[in-house]
């Protein structure tokens, strides 16, 4: 499971990961004294949606 809370497609998840890595979009965590936690690498395959219909 990779960034499923921030994107619905592979492209959205890849963009969210890139934004996190670049320090954009997500802001700063107040009170945390340390460097940002690095994002995990995406798997070497295209992520597929779970297929859940709303």
PDB file of N, CA and C in Angstrom:
ATOM      1  N   UNK A   1       0.854  -1.162   0.000  1.00  0.00           N
ATOM      2  CA  UNK A   1       0.000   0.000   0.000  1.00  0.00           C
ATOM      3  C   UNK A   1       0.903   1.229   0.000  1.00  0.00           C
ATOM      4  N   UNK A   2       0.759   2.063  -0.965  1.00  0.00           N
ATOM      5  CA  UNK A   2       1.586   3.256  -1.092  1.00  0.00           C
ATOM      6  C   UNK A   2       0.728   4.501  -1.221  1.00  0.00           C
ATOM      7  N   UNK A   3       0.779   5.352  -0.265  1.00  0.00           N
ATOM      8  CA  UNK A   3       0.147   6.660  -0.326  1.00  0.00           C
ATOM      9  C   UNK A   3      -1.321   6.578  -0.727  1.00  0.00           C
ATOM     10  N   UNK A   4      -2.001   5.522  -0.353  1.00  0.00           N
ATOM     11  CA  UNK A   4      -3.381   5.359  -0.784  1.00  0.00           C
ATOM     12  C   UNK A   4      -4.302   6.426  -0.209  1.00  0.00           C
ATOM     13  N   UNK A   5      -3.861   7.127   0.792  1.00  0.00           N
ATOM     14  CA  UNK A   5      -4.681   8.165   1.400  1.00  0.00           C
ATOM     15  C   UNK A   5      -4.546   9.496   0.672  1.00  0.00           C
ATOM     16  N   UNK A   6      -3.662   9.596  -0.302  1.00  0.00           N
ATOM     17  CA  UNK A   6      -3.417  10.873  -0.960  1.00  0.00           C
ATOM     18  C   UNK A   6      -3.650  10.822  -2.475  1.00  0.00           C
ATOM     19  N   UNK A   7      -3.844   9.651  -3.031  1.00  0.00           N
ATOM     20  CA  UNK A   7      -4.053   9.567  -4.470  1.00  0.00           C
ATOM     21  C   UNK A   7      -4.885   8.365  -4.846  1.00  0.00           C
ATOM     22  N   UNK A   8      -5.609   8.499  -5.950  1.00  0.00           N
ATOM     23  CA  UNK A   8      -6.467   7.404  -6.408  1.00  0.00           C
ATOM     24  C   UNK A   8      -5.887   6.641  -7.575  1.00  0.00           C
ATOM     25  N   UNK A   9      -4.866   7.201  -8.190  1.00  0.00           N
ATOM     26  CA  UNK A   9      -4.281   6.536  -9.349  1.00  0.00           C
ATOM     27  C   UNK A   9      -2.762   6.494  -9.182  1.00  0.00           C
ATOM     28  N   UNK A  10      -2.110   5.714 -10.015  1.00  0.00           N
ATOM     29  CA  UNK A  10      -0.654   5.635  -9.977  1.00  0.00           C
ATOM     30  C   UNK A  10      -0.034   7.020 -10.172  1.00  0.00           C
ATOM     31  N   UNK A  11      -0.558   7.764 -11.136  1.00  0.00           N
ATOM     32  CA  UNK A  11      -0.001   9.094 -11.427  1.00  0.00           C
ATOM     33  C   UNK A  11      -0.174  10.050 -10.250  1.00  0.00           C
ATOM     34  N   UNK A  12      -1.336  10.020  -9.592  1.00  0.00           N
ATOM     35  CA  UNK A  12      -1.553  10.886  -8.433  1.00  0.00           C
ATOM     36  C   UNK A  12      -0.628  10.505  -7.276  1.00  0.00           C
ATOM     37  N   UNK A  13      -0.425   9.232  -7.068  1.00  0.00           N
ATOM     38  CA  UNK A  13       0.453   8.758  -5.996  1.00  0.00           C
ATOM     39  C   UNK A  13       1.900   9.120  -6.298  1.00  0.00           C
ATOM     40  N   UNK A  14       2.324   8.941  -7.537  1.00  0.00           N
ATOM     41  CA  UNK A  14       3.690   9.302  -7.920  1.00  0.00           C
ATOM     42  C   UNK A  14       3.912  10.808  -7.754  1.00  0.00           C
ATOM     43  N   UNK A  15       2.904  11.623  -8.102  1.00  0.00           N
ATOM     44  CA  UNK A  15       3.022  13.067  -7.941  1.00  0.00           C
ATOM     45  C   UNK A  15       3.089  13.442  -6.462  1.00  0.00           C
ATOM     46  N   UNK A  16       2.285  12.798  -5.624  1.00  0.00           N
ATOM     47  CA  UNK A  16       2.320  13.078  -4.185  1.00  0.00           C
ATOM     48  C   UNK A  16       3.682  12.729  -3.609  1.00  0.00           C
ATOM     49  N   UNK A  17       4.248  11.615  -4.030  1.00  0.00           N
ATOM     50  CA  UNK A  17       5.579  11.234  -3.556  1.00  0.00           C
ATOM     51  C   UNK A  17       6.620  12.262  -3.967  1.00  0.00           C
ATOM     52  N   UNK A  18       6.534  12.708  -5.218  1.00  0.00           N
ATOM     53  CA  UNK A  18       7.469  13.722  -5.708  1.00  0.00           C
ATOM     54  C   UNK A  18       7.305  15.035  -4.934  1.00  0.00           C
ATOM     55  N   UNK A  19       6.059  15.437  -4.689  1.00  0.00           N
ATOM     56  CA  UNK A  19       5.805  16.662  -3.924  1.00  0.00           C
ATOM     57  C   UNK A  19       6.377  16.547  -2.513  1.00  0.00           C
ATOM     58  N   UNK A  20       6.219  15.394  -1.877  1.00  0.00           N
ATOM     59  CA  UNK A  20       6.772  15.173  -0.535  1.00  0.00           C
ATOM     60  C   UNK A  20       8.292  15.270  -0.562  1.00  0.00           C
ATOM     61  N   UNK A  21       8.899  14.614  -1.533  1.00  0.00           N
ATOM     62  CA  UNK A  21      10.355  14.607  -1.650  1.00  0.00           C
ATOM     63  C   UNK A  21      10.900  16.015  -1.897  1.00  0.00           C
ATOM     64  N   UNK A  22      10.179  16.817  -2.676  1.00  0.00           N
ATOM     65  CA  UNK A  22      10.615  18.177  -2.992  1.00  0.00           C
ATOM     66  C   UNK A  22      10.262  19.189  -1.910  1.00  0.00           C
ATOM     67  N   UNK A  23       9.478  18.770  -0.920  1.00  0.00           N
ATOM     68  CA  UNK A  23       9.094  19.686   0.153  1.00  0.00           C
ATOM     69  C   UNK A  23       7.989  20.645  -0.215  1.00  0.00           C
ATOM     70  N   UNK A  24       7.170  20.271  -1.191  1.00  0.00           N
ATOM     71  CA  UNK A  24       6.050  21.119  -1.596  1.00  0.00           C
ATOM     72  C   UNK A  24       4.734  20.443  -1.240  1.00  0.00           C
ATOM     73  N   UNK A  25       3.683  21.204  -1.224  1.00  0.00           N
ATOM     74  CA  UNK A  25       2.306  20.737  -1.084  1.00  0.00           C
ATOM     75  C   UNK A  25       1.890  20.321   0.316  1.00  0.00           C
ATOM     76  N   UNK A  26       2.739  19.686   1.100  1.00  0.00           N
ATOM     77  CA  UNK A  26       2.303  19.128   2.372  1.00  0.00           C
ATOM     78  C   UNK A  26       2.596  19.993   3.590  1.00  0.00           C
ATOM     79  N   UNK A  27       3.383  21.028   3.437  1.00  0.00           N
ATOM     80  CA  UNK A  27       3.647  21.902   4.562  1.00  0.00           C
ATOM     81  C   UNK A  27       4.649  21.315   5.546  1.00  0.00           C
ATOM     82  N   UNK A  28       4.617  21.844   6.755  1.00  0.00           N
ATOM     83  CA  UNK A  28       5.606  21.492   7.769  1.00  0.00           C
ATOM     84  C   UNK A  28       4.898  20.973   9.016  1.00  0.00           C
ATOM     85  N   UNK A  29       5.503  20.025   9.689  1.00  0.00           N
ATOM     86  CA  UNK A  29       4.948  19.492  10.929  1.00  0.00           C
ATOM     87  C   UNK A  29       5.528  20.311  12.081  1.00  0.00           C
ATOM     88  N   UNK A  30       4.680  21.064  12.749  1.00  0.00           N
ATOM     89  CA  UNK A  30       5.121  21.896  13.866  1.00  0.00           C
ATOM     90  C   UNK A  30       5.478  21.009  15.059  1.00  0.00           C
ATOM     91  N   UNK A  31       6.588  21.310  15.711  1.00  0.00           N
ATOM     92  CA  UNK A  31       6.991  20.579  16.898  1.00  0.00           C
ATOM     93  C   UNK A  31       7.866  19.373  16.627  1.00  0.00           C
ATOM     94  N   UNK A  32       8.075  19.024  15.378  1.00  0.00           N
ATOM     95  CA  UNK A  32       8.949  17.893  15.035  1.00  0.00           C
ATOM     96  C   UNK A  32      10.338  18.439  14.786  1.00  0.00           C
ATOM     97  N   UNK A  33      11.295  17.969  15.562  1.00  0.00           N
ATOM     98  CA  UNK A  33      12.661  18.459  15.461  1.00  0.00           C
ATOM     99  C   UNK A  33      13.523  17.428  14.742  1.00  0.00           C
ATOM    100  N   UNK A  34      13.514  17.461  13.453  1.00  0.00           N
ATOM    101  CA  UNK A  34      14.305  16.523  12.665  1.00  0.00           C
ATOM    102  C   UNK A  34      14.014  16.693  11.190  1.00  0.00           C
ATOM    103  N   UNK A  35      14.771  16.005  10.373  1.00  0.00           N
ATOM    104  CA  UNK A  35      14.546  16.101   8.922  1.00  0.00           C
ATOM    105  C   UNK A  35      13.267  15.364   8.530  1.00  0.00           C
ATOM    106  N   UNK A  36      12.696  15.712   7.390  1.00  0.00           N
ATOM    107  CA  UNK A  36      11.513  14.986   6.921  1.00  0.00           C
ATOM    108  C   UNK A  36      11.819  13.497   6.730  1.00  0.00           C
ATOM    109  N   UNK A  37      10.855  12.681   7.026  1.00  0.00           N
ATOM    110  CA  UNK A  37      11.005  11.238   6.809  1.00  0.00           C
ATOM    111  C   UNK A  37      10.961  11.003   5.301  1.00  0.00           C
ATOM    112  N   UNK A  38      11.953  10.301   4.758  1.00  0.00           N
ATOM    113  CA  UNK A  38      11.956  10.096   3.304  1.00  0.00           C
ATOM    114  C   UNK A  38      10.798   9.198   2.853  1.00  0.00           C
ATOM    115  N   UNK A  39      10.289   9.502   1.674  1.00  0.00           N
ATOM    116  CA  UNK A  39       9.224   8.682   1.095  1.00  0.00           C
ATOM    117  C   UNK A  39       9.805   7.359   0.616  1.00  0.00           C
ATOM    118  N   UNK A  40       9.017   6.313   0.753  1.00  0.00           N
ATOM    119  CA  UNK A  40       9.432   5.008   0.239  1.00  0.00           C
ATOM    120  C   UNK A  40       9.475   5.042  -1.277  1.00  0.00           C
ATOM    121  N   UNK A  41      10.307   4.210  -1.843  1.00  0.00           N
ATOM    122  CA  UNK A  41      10.344   4.070  -3.301  1.00  0.00           C
ATOM    123  C   UNK A  41       9.057   3.386  -3.750  1.00  0.00           C
ATOM    124  N   UNK A  42       8.560   3.788  -4.893  1.00  0.00           N
ATOM    125  CA  UNK A  42       7.409   3.093  -5.456  1.00  0.00           C
ATOM    126  C   UNK A  42       7.874   1.757  -6.010  1.00  0.00           C
ATOM    127  N   UNK A  43       7.006   0.761  -6.019  1.00  0.00           N
ATOM    128  CA  UNK A  43       7.401  -0.532  -6.578  1.00  0.00           C
ATOM    129  C   UNK A  43       7.702  -0.406  -8.071  1.00  0.00           C
ATOM    130  N   UNK A  44       8.469  -1.333  -8.616  1.00  0.00           N
ATOM    131  CA  UNK A  44       8.858  -1.247 -10.028  1.00  0.00           C
ATOM    132  C   UNK A  44       7.748  -1.696 -10.988  1.00  0.00           C
ATOM    133  N   UNK A  45       6.528  -1.398 -10.655  1.00  0.00           N
ATOM    134  CA  UNK A  45       5.381  -1.738 -11.486  1.00  0.00           C
ATOM    135  C   UNK A  45       4.367  -0.606 -11.392  1.00  0.00           C
ATOM    136  N   UNK A  46       3.440  -0.571 -12.302  1.00  0.00           N
ATOM    137  CA  UNK A  46       2.392   0.444 -12.284  1.00  0.00           C
ATOM    138  C   UNK A  46       1.371   0.048 -11.222  1.00  0.00           C
ATOM    139  N   UNK A  47       1.054   0.943 -10.300  1.00  0.00           N
ATOM    140  CA  UNK A  47       0.075   0.647  -9.258  1.00  0.00           C
ATOM    141  C   UNK A  47      -1.319   0.576  -9.859  1.00  0.00           C
ATOM    142  N   UNK A  48      -2.114  -0.377  -9.383  1.00  0.00           N
ATOM    143  CA  UNK A  48      -3.474  -0.531  -9.880  1.00  0.00           C
ATOM    144  C   UNK A  48      -4.457  -0.156  -8.785  1.00  0.00           C
ATOM    145  N   UNK A  49      -5.579   0.473  -9.153  1.00  0.00           N
ATOM    146  CA  UNK A  49      -6.602   0.779  -8.142  1.00  0.00           C
ATOM    147  C   UNK A  49      -7.213  -0.505  -7.616  1.00  0.00           C
ATOM    148  N   UNK A  50      -7.764  -0.424  -6.425  1.00  0.00           N
ATOM    149  CA  UNK A  50      -8.365  -1.594  -5.789  1.00  0.00           C
ATOM    150  C   UNK A  50      -9.646  -2.030  -6.476  1.00  0.00           C
ATOM    151  N   UNK A  51     -10.293  -1.146  -7.200  1.00  0.00           N
ATOM    152  CA  UNK A  51     -11.516  -1.526  -7.894  1.00  0.00           C
ATOM    153  C   UNK A  51     -12.764  -1.301  -7.073  1.00  0.00           C
ATOM    154  N   UNK A  52     -12.654  -0.633  -5.955  1.00  0.00           N
ATOM    155  CA  UNK A  52     -13.814  -0.381  -5.110  1.00  0.00           C
ATOM    156  C   UNK A  52     -14.711   0.651  -5.781  1.00  0.00           C
ATOM    157  N   UNK A  53     -15.991   0.367  -5.871  1.00  0.00           N
ATOM    158  CA  UNK A  53     -16.942   1.257  -6.498  1.00  0.00           C
ATOM    159  C   UNK A  53     -17.721   1.952  -5.389  1.00  0.00           C
ATOM    160  N   UNK A  54     -17.843   3.265  -5.520  1.00  0.00           N
ATOM    161  CA  UNK A  54     -18.617   4.008  -4.512  1.00  0.00           C
ATOM    162  C   UNK A  54     -19.969   4.370  -5.052  1.00  0.00           C
TER     163      UNK A  54
END
